[in-house]
N, C-alpha and C. Protein backbone atom coordinates (compact mmCIF):
# COMPACT_ATOMS: atom_id res chain seq x y z
N MET A 1 -50.66 110.60 -101.77
CA MET A 1 -50.70 110.89 -103.18
C MET A 1 -49.95 109.84 -103.98
N ARG A 2 -48.83 109.44 -103.45
CA ARG A 2 -48.04 108.44 -104.16
C ARG A 2 -48.81 107.13 -104.28
N THR A 3 -49.56 106.76 -103.26
CA THR A 3 -50.33 105.53 -103.29
C THR A 3 -51.37 105.57 -104.40
N LYS A 4 -51.98 106.71 -104.61
CA LYS A 4 -52.99 106.84 -105.65
C LYS A 4 -52.35 106.69 -107.03
N VAL A 5 -51.19 107.29 -107.23
CA VAL A 5 -50.48 107.17 -108.51
C VAL A 5 -50.06 105.73 -108.73
N HIS A 6 -49.57 105.11 -107.71
CA HIS A 6 -49.14 103.71 -107.81
C HIS A 6 -50.33 102.81 -108.14
N THR A 7 -51.46 103.06 -107.52
CA THR A 7 -52.66 102.27 -107.78
C THR A 7 -53.12 102.43 -109.22
N GLU A 8 -53.11 103.62 -109.72
CA GLU A 8 -53.52 103.87 -111.11
C GLU A 8 -52.53 103.23 -112.09
N ASN A 9 -51.27 103.24 -111.76
CA ASN A 9 -50.25 102.66 -112.64
C ASN A 9 -50.49 101.17 -112.86
N TRP A 10 -50.66 100.42 -111.82
CA TRP A 10 -50.81 98.97 -112.02
C TRP A 10 -52.16 98.65 -112.65
N GLN A 11 -53.16 99.49 -112.41
CA GLN A 11 -54.45 99.25 -113.04
C GLN A 11 -54.37 99.49 -114.55
N GLU A 12 -53.56 100.44 -114.96
CA GLU A 12 -53.38 100.68 -116.40
C GLU A 12 -52.58 99.57 -117.05
N GLN A 13 -51.60 99.05 -116.34
CA GLN A 13 -50.73 98.02 -116.91
C GLN A 13 -51.38 96.64 -116.87
N ALA A 14 -52.26 96.38 -115.94
CA ALA A 14 -52.93 95.08 -115.85
C ALA A 14 -54.42 95.30 -115.67
N PRO A 15 -55.14 95.66 -116.75
CA PRO A 15 -56.57 95.95 -116.61
C PRO A 15 -57.40 94.73 -116.23
N LYS A 16 -57.03 93.53 -116.69
CA LYS A 16 -57.82 92.33 -116.35
C LYS A 16 -57.69 92.01 -114.86
N LEU A 17 -56.50 92.22 -114.32
CA LEU A 17 -56.30 91.98 -112.89
C LEU A 17 -57.10 93.00 -112.07
N ALA A 18 -57.18 94.22 -112.55
CA ALA A 18 -57.94 95.25 -111.84
C ALA A 18 -59.43 94.98 -111.89
N GLN A 19 -59.93 94.29 -112.89
CA GLN A 19 -61.37 94.01 -113.02
C GLN A 19 -61.82 92.82 -112.18
N MET A 20 -60.84 92.04 -111.70
CA MET A 20 -61.22 90.85 -110.91
C MET A 20 -61.86 91.24 -109.60
N GLU A 21 -62.73 90.37 -109.10
CA GLU A 21 -63.43 90.63 -107.85
C GLU A 21 -62.45 90.50 -106.69
N LYS A 22 -62.50 91.39 -105.72
CA LYS A 22 -61.61 91.37 -104.58
C LYS A 22 -62.25 90.57 -103.45
N ILE A 23 -61.75 89.34 -103.25
CA ILE A 23 -62.27 88.47 -102.19
C ILE A 23 -61.09 88.01 -101.33
N ASN A 24 -61.35 87.68 -100.11
CA ASN A 24 -60.34 87.17 -99.19
C ASN A 24 -60.35 85.64 -99.27
N PRO A 25 -59.27 85.01 -99.72
CA PRO A 25 -59.26 83.55 -99.86
C PRO A 25 -59.05 82.83 -98.53
N PHE A 26 -58.69 83.55 -97.49
CA PHE A 26 -58.42 82.92 -96.21
C PHE A 26 -59.67 82.89 -95.36
N VAL A 27 -59.92 81.73 -94.74
CA VAL A 27 -61.13 81.55 -93.94
C VAL A 27 -60.71 81.15 -92.54
N VAL A 28 -61.28 81.80 -91.54
CA VAL A 28 -61.01 81.48 -90.15
C VAL A 28 -62.08 80.51 -89.67
N PRO A 29 -61.70 79.41 -89.03
CA PRO A 29 -62.71 78.47 -88.55
C PRO A 29 -63.64 79.13 -87.52
N ASP A 30 -64.82 78.55 -87.39
CA ASP A 30 -65.81 79.09 -86.46
C ASP A 30 -65.29 78.98 -85.03
N ALA A 31 -65.49 80.00 -84.25
CA ALA A 31 -65.13 80.07 -82.83
C ALA A 31 -63.63 79.86 -82.61
N TYR A 32 -62.82 80.23 -83.56
CA TYR A 32 -61.37 80.04 -83.45
C TYR A 32 -60.80 80.93 -82.34
N PHE A 33 -61.13 82.20 -82.36
CA PHE A 33 -60.56 83.12 -81.39
C PHE A 33 -61.15 82.93 -79.99
N GLU A 34 -62.38 82.40 -79.88
CA GLU A 34 -62.97 82.16 -78.57
C GLU A 34 -62.25 81.02 -77.85
N THR A 35 -61.78 80.02 -78.58
CA THR A 35 -61.13 78.87 -77.97
C THR A 35 -59.60 78.97 -77.98
N LEU A 36 -59.08 80.03 -78.56
CA LEU A 36 -57.62 80.16 -78.69
C LEU A 36 -56.92 80.22 -77.33
N SER A 37 -57.38 81.05 -76.43
CA SER A 37 -56.71 81.19 -75.13
C SER A 37 -56.77 79.88 -74.35
N GLY A 38 -57.86 79.16 -74.44
CA GLY A 38 -57.97 77.87 -73.75
C GLY A 38 -56.98 76.85 -74.29
N ARG A 39 -56.82 76.80 -75.60
CA ARG A 39 -55.86 75.86 -76.20
C ARG A 39 -54.42 76.23 -75.83
N ILE A 40 -54.11 77.51 -75.78
CA ILE A 40 -52.75 77.94 -75.40
C ILE A 40 -52.47 77.56 -73.95
N ASN A 41 -53.41 77.82 -73.06
CA ASN A 41 -53.22 77.47 -71.64
C ASN A 41 -53.07 75.96 -71.46
N LYS A 42 -53.84 75.18 -72.22
CA LYS A 42 -53.76 73.72 -72.12
C LYS A 42 -52.37 73.22 -72.55
N ARG A 43 -51.85 73.78 -73.63
CA ARG A 43 -50.53 73.39 -74.13
C ARG A 43 -49.44 73.77 -73.15
N ILE A 44 -49.54 74.95 -72.54
CA ILE A 44 -48.56 75.38 -71.54
C ILE A 44 -48.59 74.46 -70.34
N ALA A 45 -49.77 74.05 -69.91
CA ALA A 45 -49.90 73.15 -68.76
C ALA A 45 -49.28 71.80 -69.07
N GLN A 46 -49.42 71.28 -70.28
CA GLN A 46 -48.83 70.00 -70.66
C GLN A 46 -47.30 70.07 -70.63
N GLU A 47 -46.76 71.17 -71.10
CA GLU A 47 -45.30 71.29 -71.15
C GLU A 47 -44.70 71.44 -69.76
N THR A 48 -45.40 72.08 -68.85
CA THR A 48 -44.86 72.25 -67.50
C THR A 48 -45.00 71.00 -66.65
N LYS A 49 -45.89 70.09 -67.01
CA LYS A 49 -46.05 68.87 -66.25
C LYS A 49 -44.87 67.92 -66.44
N LYS A 50 -44.25 67.96 -67.62
CA LYS A 50 -43.13 67.06 -67.88
C LYS A 50 -41.91 67.57 -67.12
N PRO A 51 -41.38 66.76 -66.23
CA PRO A 51 -40.20 67.21 -65.49
C PRO A 51 -38.97 67.22 -66.41
N ALA A 52 -38.20 68.23 -66.26
CA ALA A 52 -36.98 68.33 -67.06
C ALA A 52 -35.95 67.37 -66.47
N LYS A 53 -35.46 66.49 -67.31
CA LYS A 53 -34.50 65.50 -66.86
C LYS A 53 -33.10 66.10 -66.99
N ALA A 54 -32.45 66.29 -65.87
CA ALA A 54 -31.11 66.88 -65.87
C ALA A 54 -30.09 65.80 -66.24
N ARG A 55 -29.17 66.19 -67.07
CA ARG A 55 -28.12 65.25 -67.49
C ARG A 55 -26.88 65.56 -66.67
N ILE A 56 -26.58 64.69 -65.75
CA ILE A 56 -25.46 64.90 -64.85
C ILE A 56 -24.35 63.90 -65.22
N ILE A 57 -23.18 64.43 -65.46
CA ILE A 57 -22.03 63.59 -65.77
C ILE A 57 -21.25 63.39 -64.48
N PRO A 58 -20.99 62.14 -64.10
CA PRO A 58 -20.25 61.90 -62.86
C PRO A 58 -18.84 62.51 -62.93
N MET A 59 -18.34 62.89 -61.77
CA MET A 59 -17.04 63.55 -61.71
C MET A 59 -15.92 62.62 -62.15
N TRP A 60 -16.01 61.32 -61.85
CA TRP A 60 -14.94 60.41 -62.23
C TRP A 60 -14.82 60.31 -63.75
N THR A 61 -15.93 60.48 -64.46
CA THR A 61 -15.88 60.43 -65.92
C THR A 61 -15.10 61.62 -66.47
N ARG A 62 -15.28 62.77 -65.86
CA ARG A 62 -14.52 63.95 -66.28
C ARG A 62 -13.03 63.77 -66.04
N TYR A 63 -12.69 63.22 -64.86
CA TYR A 63 -11.28 62.98 -64.56
C TYR A 63 -10.67 61.96 -65.52
N ALA A 64 -11.43 60.93 -65.85
CA ALA A 64 -10.93 59.91 -66.77
C ALA A 64 -10.70 60.51 -68.16
N ALA A 65 -11.60 61.37 -68.61
CA ALA A 65 -11.44 62.01 -69.91
C ALA A 65 -10.21 62.92 -69.91
N ALA A 66 -10.01 63.65 -68.83
CA ALA A 66 -8.84 64.53 -68.74
C ALA A 66 -7.55 63.71 -68.72
N ALA A 67 -7.55 62.59 -68.02
CA ALA A 67 -6.36 61.73 -67.96
C ALA A 67 -6.04 61.15 -69.34
N CYS A 68 -7.07 60.71 -70.05
CA CYS A 68 -6.85 60.17 -71.40
C CYS A 68 -6.28 61.23 -72.34
N LEU A 69 -6.84 62.41 -72.27
CA LEU A 69 -6.35 63.50 -73.10
C LEU A 69 -4.90 63.84 -72.77
N THR A 70 -4.56 63.86 -71.50
CA THR A 70 -3.18 64.14 -71.08
C THR A 70 -2.24 63.05 -71.57
N CYS A 71 -2.65 61.80 -71.47
CA CYS A 71 -1.81 60.70 -71.95
C CYS A 71 -1.57 60.78 -73.45
N ILE A 72 -2.60 61.04 -74.19
CA ILE A 72 -2.47 61.13 -75.65
C ILE A 72 -1.54 62.28 -76.02
N LEU A 73 -1.71 63.41 -75.37
CA LEU A 73 -0.86 64.56 -75.64
C LEU A 73 0.59 64.27 -75.27
N GLY A 74 0.81 63.65 -74.13
CA GLY A 74 2.16 63.31 -73.69
C GLY A 74 2.85 62.34 -74.63
N ILE A 75 2.15 61.30 -75.05
CA ILE A 75 2.74 60.32 -75.97
C ILE A 75 3.06 60.96 -77.30
N THR A 76 2.18 61.81 -77.79
CA THR A 76 2.43 62.50 -79.06
C THR A 76 3.67 63.38 -78.97
N LEU A 77 3.77 64.15 -77.90
CA LEU A 77 4.95 65.00 -77.73
C LEU A 77 6.22 64.17 -77.60
N TYR A 78 6.17 63.10 -76.84
CA TYR A 78 7.35 62.25 -76.66
C TYR A 78 7.82 61.66 -77.99
N LEU A 79 6.88 61.14 -78.77
CA LEU A 79 7.25 60.55 -80.05
C LEU A 79 7.80 61.60 -81.02
N ASN A 80 7.23 62.79 -81.01
CA ASN A 80 7.75 63.85 -81.88
C ASN A 80 9.14 64.28 -81.47
N LEU A 81 9.40 64.35 -80.16
CA LEU A 81 10.74 64.71 -79.71
C LEU A 81 11.75 63.62 -80.05
N GLN A 82 11.32 62.35 -79.95
CA GLN A 82 12.22 61.25 -80.29
C GLN A 82 12.56 61.28 -81.78
N LYS A 83 11.57 61.61 -82.60
CA LYS A 83 11.79 61.66 -84.03
C LYS A 83 12.77 62.78 -84.39
N ASN A 84 12.65 63.92 -83.71
CA ASN A 84 13.50 65.07 -84.02
C ASN A 84 14.92 64.87 -83.53
N THR A 85 15.12 64.17 -82.40
CA THR A 85 16.47 64.00 -81.86
C THR A 85 17.19 62.79 -82.44
N SER A 86 16.49 61.98 -83.19
CA SER A 86 17.12 60.77 -83.71
C SER A 86 17.91 61.03 -85.00
N ALA A 87 18.00 62.26 -85.43
CA ALA A 87 18.76 62.57 -86.64
C ALA A 87 20.24 62.38 -86.35
N LYS A 88 20.87 61.44 -87.02
CA LYS A 88 22.28 61.13 -86.83
C LYS A 88 23.10 61.86 -87.88
N VAL A 89 24.29 62.30 -87.46
CA VAL A 89 25.20 62.97 -88.38
C VAL A 89 26.20 61.94 -88.86
N ASN A 90 26.33 61.81 -90.15
CA ASN A 90 27.32 60.91 -90.72
C ASN A 90 28.62 61.70 -90.93
N TRP A 91 29.54 61.52 -90.00
CA TRP A 91 30.78 62.31 -90.03
C TRP A 91 31.65 61.95 -91.21
N ASP A 92 31.46 60.76 -91.78
CA ASP A 92 32.28 60.35 -92.92
C ASP A 92 31.95 61.17 -94.16
N GLU A 93 30.75 61.71 -94.23
CA GLU A 93 30.35 62.50 -95.40
C GLU A 93 30.88 63.92 -95.36
N ILE A 94 31.27 64.40 -94.18
CA ILE A 94 31.78 65.76 -94.06
C ILE A 94 33.29 65.73 -94.30
N PRO A 95 33.78 66.53 -95.25
CA PRO A 95 35.22 66.55 -95.53
C PRO A 95 36.01 67.04 -94.32
N GLU A 96 37.20 66.49 -94.13
CA GLU A 96 38.04 66.85 -92.99
C GLU A 96 38.41 68.33 -93.03
N GLN A 97 38.58 68.88 -94.21
CA GLN A 97 38.95 70.29 -94.34
C GLN A 97 37.88 71.19 -93.72
N GLU A 98 36.60 70.85 -93.92
CA GLU A 98 35.52 71.66 -93.35
C GLU A 98 35.49 71.56 -91.82
N ILE A 99 35.76 70.37 -91.30
CA ILE A 99 35.78 70.19 -89.85
C ILE A 99 36.93 70.99 -89.24
N VAL A 100 38.11 70.90 -89.86
CA VAL A 100 39.28 71.62 -89.36
C VAL A 100 39.03 73.13 -89.43
N ALA A 101 38.45 73.61 -90.53
CA ALA A 101 38.18 75.04 -90.67
C ALA A 101 37.18 75.50 -89.61
N TYR A 102 36.16 74.70 -89.34
CA TYR A 102 35.18 75.07 -88.31
C TYR A 102 35.83 75.12 -86.94
N LEU A 103 36.64 74.11 -86.63
CA LEU A 103 37.29 74.09 -85.32
C LEU A 103 38.27 75.24 -85.16
N GLU A 104 39.00 75.59 -86.21
CA GLU A 104 39.95 76.70 -86.11
C GLU A 104 39.22 78.01 -85.84
N MET A 105 38.04 78.18 -86.38
CA MET A 105 37.31 79.42 -86.19
C MET A 105 36.59 79.47 -84.83
N ASN A 106 36.16 78.31 -84.31
CA ASN A 106 35.31 78.30 -83.13
C ASN A 106 35.93 77.71 -81.88
N ILE A 107 37.12 77.19 -81.96
CA ILE A 107 37.71 76.53 -80.79
C ILE A 107 38.36 77.58 -79.89
N GLU A 108 38.33 77.32 -78.59
CA GLU A 108 39.01 78.16 -77.62
C GLU A 108 40.13 77.35 -76.99
N ASP A 109 41.03 78.03 -76.27
CA ASP A 109 42.20 77.36 -75.70
C ASP A 109 41.81 76.25 -74.73
N ALA A 110 40.80 76.48 -73.92
CA ALA A 110 40.38 75.46 -72.96
C ALA A 110 39.82 74.24 -73.68
N ASP A 111 39.19 74.46 -74.81
CA ASP A 111 38.65 73.34 -75.57
C ASP A 111 39.77 72.47 -76.14
N ALA A 112 40.85 73.06 -76.54
CA ALA A 112 41.97 72.30 -77.11
C ALA A 112 42.54 71.35 -76.08
N VAL A 113 42.71 71.80 -74.83
CA VAL A 113 43.23 70.95 -73.75
C VAL A 113 42.25 69.80 -73.50
N LEU A 114 40.98 70.11 -73.48
CA LEU A 114 39.96 69.09 -73.25
C LEU A 114 39.98 68.04 -74.36
N ILE A 115 40.10 68.49 -75.60
CA ILE A 115 40.13 67.54 -76.73
C ILE A 115 41.36 66.65 -76.65
N ILE A 116 42.50 67.23 -76.34
CA ILE A 116 43.74 66.44 -76.25
C ILE A 116 43.63 65.42 -75.13
N ASN A 117 43.08 65.81 -73.98
CA ASN A 117 42.92 64.87 -72.87
C ASN A 117 41.95 63.75 -73.21
N GLN A 118 40.90 64.05 -73.97
CA GLN A 118 39.92 63.04 -74.35
C GLN A 118 40.48 62.07 -75.37
N LEU A 119 41.41 62.53 -76.22
CA LEU A 119 41.98 61.65 -77.22
C LEU A 119 42.79 60.54 -76.57
N GLY A 120 43.53 60.86 -75.53
CA GLY A 120 44.28 59.86 -74.79
C GLY A 120 45.19 59.05 -75.70
N GLU A 121 44.94 57.77 -75.78
CA GLU A 121 45.76 56.87 -76.57
C GLU A 121 45.47 56.99 -78.06
N GLN A 122 44.34 57.51 -78.45
CA GLN A 122 43.94 57.59 -79.85
C GLN A 122 44.42 58.89 -80.48
N ARG A 123 45.64 59.19 -80.37
CA ARG A 123 46.17 60.43 -80.95
C ARG A 123 46.16 60.31 -82.46
N THR A 124 45.81 61.39 -83.10
CA THR A 124 45.78 61.38 -84.56
C THR A 124 47.16 61.68 -85.10
N PRO A 125 47.45 61.23 -86.32
CA PRO A 125 48.77 61.47 -86.89
C PRO A 125 49.06 62.96 -87.11
N GLY A 126 48.06 63.77 -87.22
CA GLY A 126 48.27 65.19 -87.48
C GLY A 126 48.78 65.94 -86.26
N LEU A 127 48.68 65.36 -85.05
CA LEU A 127 49.11 66.05 -83.84
C LEU A 127 50.63 65.99 -83.65
N ILE A 128 51.29 65.00 -84.17
CA ILE A 128 52.73 64.88 -84.00
C ILE A 128 53.40 65.56 -85.20
N THR A 129 54.11 66.65 -84.90
CA THR A 129 54.72 67.44 -85.98
C THR A 129 56.21 67.24 -86.09
N GLY A 130 56.81 66.69 -85.09
CA GLY A 130 58.26 66.50 -85.11
C GLY A 130 59.00 67.75 -84.69
N ALA A 131 58.35 68.73 -84.11
CA ALA A 131 59.02 69.95 -83.66
C ALA A 131 59.67 69.70 -82.31
N ASN A 132 60.79 70.39 -82.07
CA ASN A 132 61.46 70.20 -80.78
C ASN A 132 60.82 71.10 -79.74
N GLU A 133 61.27 70.97 -78.49
CA GLU A 133 60.65 71.68 -77.39
C GLU A 133 60.83 73.19 -77.51
N GLN A 134 61.98 73.64 -78.03
CA GLN A 134 62.24 75.06 -78.16
C GLN A 134 61.26 75.71 -79.15
N GLU A 135 61.00 75.03 -80.27
CA GLU A 135 60.06 75.56 -81.26
C GLU A 135 58.64 75.60 -80.70
N LEU A 136 58.26 74.58 -79.95
CA LEU A 136 56.93 74.56 -79.35
C LEU A 136 56.76 75.68 -78.32
N ALA A 137 57.79 75.90 -77.49
CA ALA A 137 57.74 76.95 -76.48
C ALA A 137 57.63 78.33 -77.14
N THR A 138 58.39 78.53 -78.23
CA THR A 138 58.32 79.80 -78.94
C THR A 138 56.93 80.01 -79.55
N TYR A 139 56.38 78.96 -80.13
CA TYR A 139 55.03 79.05 -80.72
C TYR A 139 53.98 79.38 -79.68
N ILE A 140 54.08 78.73 -78.51
CA ILE A 140 53.09 78.97 -77.45
C ILE A 140 53.22 80.39 -76.93
N ASP A 141 54.45 80.88 -76.76
CA ASP A 141 54.64 82.24 -76.26
C ASP A 141 54.08 83.29 -77.23
N GLN A 142 54.23 83.04 -78.50
CA GLN A 142 53.78 84.01 -79.50
C GLN A 142 52.24 84.00 -79.66
N ASN A 143 51.63 82.88 -79.52
CA ASN A 143 50.20 82.76 -79.82
C ASN A 143 49.28 82.79 -78.60
N LEU A 144 49.84 82.66 -77.43
CA LEU A 144 48.96 82.65 -76.24
C LEU A 144 49.03 83.91 -75.45
């Protein structure tokens, strides 16, 4: 029913189109369907006659590509690590007060002995206080 209503609708809206003769503009060549299966079989036979050429990559080429990739990756990582570790600290720019405050907060007793032994002959003027042995012994007893 809907098809009939739809057909009447477009005929009312386009009467000239509805009056035109209904012809099929497509033409099938003579004997097209009789020769169709033969042409399909002929084309299939042509395609199967051509041998498929396999593309084989030699194993040494694969190993060479893997070695090159590994070398490039290794060099890149090495250069990036060198760039990151080459950052130098300019100790002259850091105020002595900040260094002393950091060491006072983070130093342990064993570290102090190690630092004093490493200083050796290069003792800093701040290490000599002029205190006598009794005062030093009292200080060590109270703080250790």
